[in-house]
């Protein structure tokens, strides 16, 4: 049955599932997102076994929360919001990382204008190493903004913080990335 629905957009599948018309269609969404969610989870926790377990938990949450999907954002953005929140909540709990306190204890020199910084020599491998050095919430912000191309409003909703807080934390995250790049990889 699911092959006959593979041509439908995620949002259309979600509507059909929510309406009760075809709840079995969640198998199509599950198939589309399992690998993507697993990759995002692994990017945060670096444990294949836990990544698989967390991916299944996240997919269960998505199914449970599906009636709350209003279509204000793309379905993939909504899925990634749930994924990011799950990972951040886990890392906060495991490492007892409260961002404001962590930021205070990991102060960095202010870089006045990050736009003027030359990062042309940064490699993908170095960027991955730097992303592991910053707070999980900053990493999530950077990935949401620059990898997943989420709007500030979507990021605000995902992280449950104000738009001003998102802007400030994005600036700090970019500054921290530049600082770590210069400290660890630039001559």
Protein backbone atom coordinates (compact mmCIF):
# COMPACT_ATOMS: atom_id res chain seq x y z
CA UNK A 1 0.00 0.00 0.00
CA UNK A 2 2.72 2.51 0.89
CA UNK A 3 4.18 2.41 -2.63
CA UNK A 4 1.01 3.93 -4.02
CA UNK A 5 1.54 6.94 -1.70
CA UNK A 6 5.25 7.51 -2.29
CA UNK A 7 4.46 10.35 -4.71
CA UNK A 8 2.70 12.39 -1.99
CA UNK A 9 4.44 15.23 -0.18
CA UNK A 10 5.16 14.81 3.52
CA UNK A 11 2.54 17.43 4.39
CA UNK A 12 -0.13 15.57 2.43
CA UNK A 13 0.75 12.29 4.10
CA UNK A 14 0.57 13.99 7.49
CA UNK A 15 -2.90 15.38 6.72
CA UNK A 16 -4.16 11.94 5.72
CA UNK A 17 -2.72 10.36 8.85
CA UNK A 18 -4.13 13.08 11.13
CA UNK A 19 -7.58 12.87 9.55
CA UNK A 20 -7.68 9.16 10.29
CA UNK A 21 -8.03 8.43 6.58
CA UNK A 22 -4.87 6.30 6.45
CA UNK A 23 -2.86 6.06 9.69
CA UNK A 24 -0.78 3.27 8.15
CA UNK A 25 0.85 5.92 5.93
CA UNK A 26 3.14 6.79 8.80
CA UNK A 27 5.28 3.91 7.49
CA UNK A 28 6.06 6.08 4.44
CA UNK A 29 7.15 9.01 6.63
CA UNK A 30 9.09 6.63 8.86
CA UNK A 31 10.94 5.31 5.83
CA UNK A 32 11.67 8.82 4.52
CA UNK A 33 13.00 10.19 7.80
CA UNK A 34 14.58 7.31 9.68
CA UNK A 35 18.04 7.67 8.14
CA UNK A 36 18.00 11.49 8.21
CA UNK A 37 17.01 11.59 11.88
CA UNK A 38 19.57 8.93 12.74
CA UNK A 39 22.33 10.98 11.08
CA UNK A 40 21.33 14.13 12.99
CA UNK A 41 21.16 12.24 16.29
CA UNK A 42 24.54 10.61 15.69
CA UNK A 43 25.99 14.05 14.92
CA UNK A 44 25.14 15.05 18.48
CA UNK A 45 25.76 11.96 20.57
CA UNK A 46 28.38 10.01 18.58
CA UNK A 47 27.03 6.61 19.60
CA UNK A 48 25.53 4.35 16.90
CA UNK A 49 23.52 2.14 19.27
CA UNK A 50 22.01 5.08 21.16
CA UNK A 51 21.43 6.92 17.88
CA UNK A 52 19.26 4.08 16.64
CA UNK A 53 17.39 3.91 19.96
CA UNK A 54 16.88 7.68 20.04
CA UNK A 55 15.78 7.71 16.39
CA UNK A 56 13.05 5.21 17.20
CA UNK A 57 12.01 7.29 20.23
CA UNK A 58 11.92 10.43 18.10
CA UNK A 59 9.84 8.73 15.40
CA UNK A 60 7.42 7.60 18.10
CA UNK A 61 7.20 11.18 19.37
CA UNK A 62 6.59 12.42 15.86
CA UNK A 63 3.71 9.99 15.48
CA UNK A 64 2.26 11.00 18.86
CA UNK A 65 2.62 14.72 18.11
CA UNK A 66 1.39 14.47 14.53
CA UNK A 67 -2.04 15.95 15.36
CA UNK A 68 -0.13 19.08 16.48
CA UNK A 69 1.44 19.57 13.05
CA UNK A 70 -0.33 22.64 11.67
CA UNK A 71 1.64 23.09 8.46
CA UNK A 72 3.04 26.49 9.51
CA UNK A 73 6.49 25.16 8.62
CA UNK A 74 7.56 22.40 6.29
CA UNK A 75 7.11 18.92 7.66
CA UNK A 76 10.87 18.34 7.58
CA UNK A 77 11.47 21.48 9.69
CA UNK A 78 8.89 20.26 12.18
CA UNK A 79 10.57 16.82 12.32
CA UNK A 80 14.01 18.36 12.80
CA UNK A 81 12.66 20.59 15.58
CA UNK A 82 11.55 17.51 17.48
CA UNK A 83 14.90 15.84 16.74
CA UNK A 84 16.98 18.82 17.89
CA UNK A 85 14.95 19.26 21.07
CA UNK A 86 15.29 15.58 21.92
CA UNK A 87 19.08 15.67 21.46
CA UNK A 88 19.57 18.96 23.29
CA UNK A 89 17.40 17.81 26.20
CA UNK A 90 19.38 14.57 26.42
CA UNK A 91 22.75 16.36 26.33
CA UNK A 92 21.64 18.96 28.85
CA UNK A 93 20.56 16.20 31.21
CA UNK A 94 23.66 14.03 30.67
CA UNK A 95 26.17 16.80 30.95
CA UNK A 96 24.08 19.05 33.17
CA UNK A 97 24.58 21.82 30.62
CA UNK A 98 22.51 24.90 31.26
CA UNK A 99 23.43 27.26 28.43
CA UNK A 100 23.59 30.60 30.31
CA UNK A 101 25.81 29.08 33.00
CA UNK A 102 27.93 27.20 30.44
CA UNK A 103 28.38 30.37 28.39
CA UNK A 104 29.49 32.31 31.48
CA UNK A 105 32.05 29.62 32.32
CA UNK A 106 33.31 29.39 28.73
CA UNK A 107 33.80 33.04 27.98
CA UNK A 108 35.62 33.95 24.80
CA UNK A 109 37.20 37.20 23.67
CA UNK A 110 34.75 39.31 21.71
CA UNK A 111 35.47 39.42 18.00
CA UNK A 112 34.01 42.77 16.89
CA UNK A 113 32.91 41.87 13.37
CA UNK A 114 32.87 38.20 12.47
CA UNK A 115 31.97 39.12 8.87
CA UNK A 116 35.47 40.50 8.41
CA UNK A 117 37.17 37.31 9.60
CA UNK A 118 38.82 35.22 6.91
CA UNK A 119 37.75 31.60 7.23
CA UNK A 120 38.62 30.65 3.67
CA UNK A 121 41.11 28.04 4.90
CA UNK A 122 38.70 26.15 7.11
CA UNK A 123 38.17 22.56 6.06
CA UNK A 124 35.06 20.46 6.55
CA UNK A 125 36.96 18.17 8.93
CA UNK A 126 38.15 21.14 11.02
CA UNK A 127 34.64 22.56 11.12
CA UNK A 128 33.31 19.23 12.41
CA UNK A 129 35.96 19.25 15.15
CA UNK A 130 35.06 22.82 16.10
CA UNK A 131 31.34 21.99 16.26
CA UNK A 132 32.18 19.36 18.88
CA UNK A 133 33.92 22.02 21.00
CA UNK A 134 30.91 24.30 21.33
CA UNK A 135 27.78 23.87 23.44
CA UNK A 136 25.19 21.48 21.93
CA UNK A 137 22.67 24.31 21.79
CA UNK A 138 25.09 26.48 19.81
CA UNK A 139 25.80 23.54 17.52
CA UNK A 140 22.07 23.04 17.03
CA UNK A 141 21.62 26.74 16.25
CA UNK A 142 24.38 26.68 13.64
CA UNK A 143 23.02 23.52 12.02
CA UNK A 144 19.43 24.77 12.05
CA UNK A 145 20.40 28.11 10.53
CA UNK A 146 23.04 27.11 7.99
CA UNK A 147 22.45 23.44 7.25
CA UNK A 148 18.67 23.15 7.56
CA UNK A 149 18.03 26.77 6.52
CA UNK A 150 15.42 27.37 9.23
CA UNK A 151 14.14 30.88 9.82
CA UNK A 152 14.73 32.70 13.11
CA UNK A 153 11.05 32.18 13.92
CA UNK A 154 11.37 28.42 13.40
CA UNK A 155 14.53 28.29 15.53
CA UNK A 156 12.78 30.35 18.23
CA UNK A 157 9.93 27.87 18.27
CA UNK A 158 12.24 24.86 18.30
CA UNK A 159 14.46 25.99 21.16
CA UNK A 160 11.69 27.74 23.07
CA UNK A 161 13.68 30.96 23.48
CA UNK A 162 13.09 34.50 22.25
CA UNK A 163 14.17 35.73 18.83
CA UNK A 164 16.63 38.12 20.49
CA UNK A 165 18.14 35.18 22.39
CA UNK A 166 18.45 33.24 19.11
CA UNK A 167 20.23 36.18 17.44
CA UNK A 168 22.60 36.64 20.39
CA UNK A 169 23.38 32.93 20.66
CA UNK A 170 23.97 32.66 16.92
CA UNK A 171 26.40 35.56 17.12
CA UNK A 172 28.16 33.93 20.09
CA UNK A 173 28.27 30.59 18.27
CA UNK A 174 29.82 32.15 15.16
CA UNK A 175 32.29 34.05 17.34
CA UNK A 176 33.18 30.89 19.25
CA UNK A 177 33.71 29.00 15.96
CA UNK A 178 36.06 31.73 14.72
CA UNK A 179 37.88 31.75 18.07
CA UNK A 180 38.38 27.97 18.07
CA UNK A 181 39.38 27.95 14.43
CA UNK A 182 42.07 30.56 15.07
CA UNK A 183 43.18 28.86 18.28
CA UNK A 184 43.40 25.31 16.93
CA UNK A 185 43.83 25.45 13.16
CA UNK A 186 45.30 28.75 12.04
CA UNK A 187 49.03 29.38 12.09
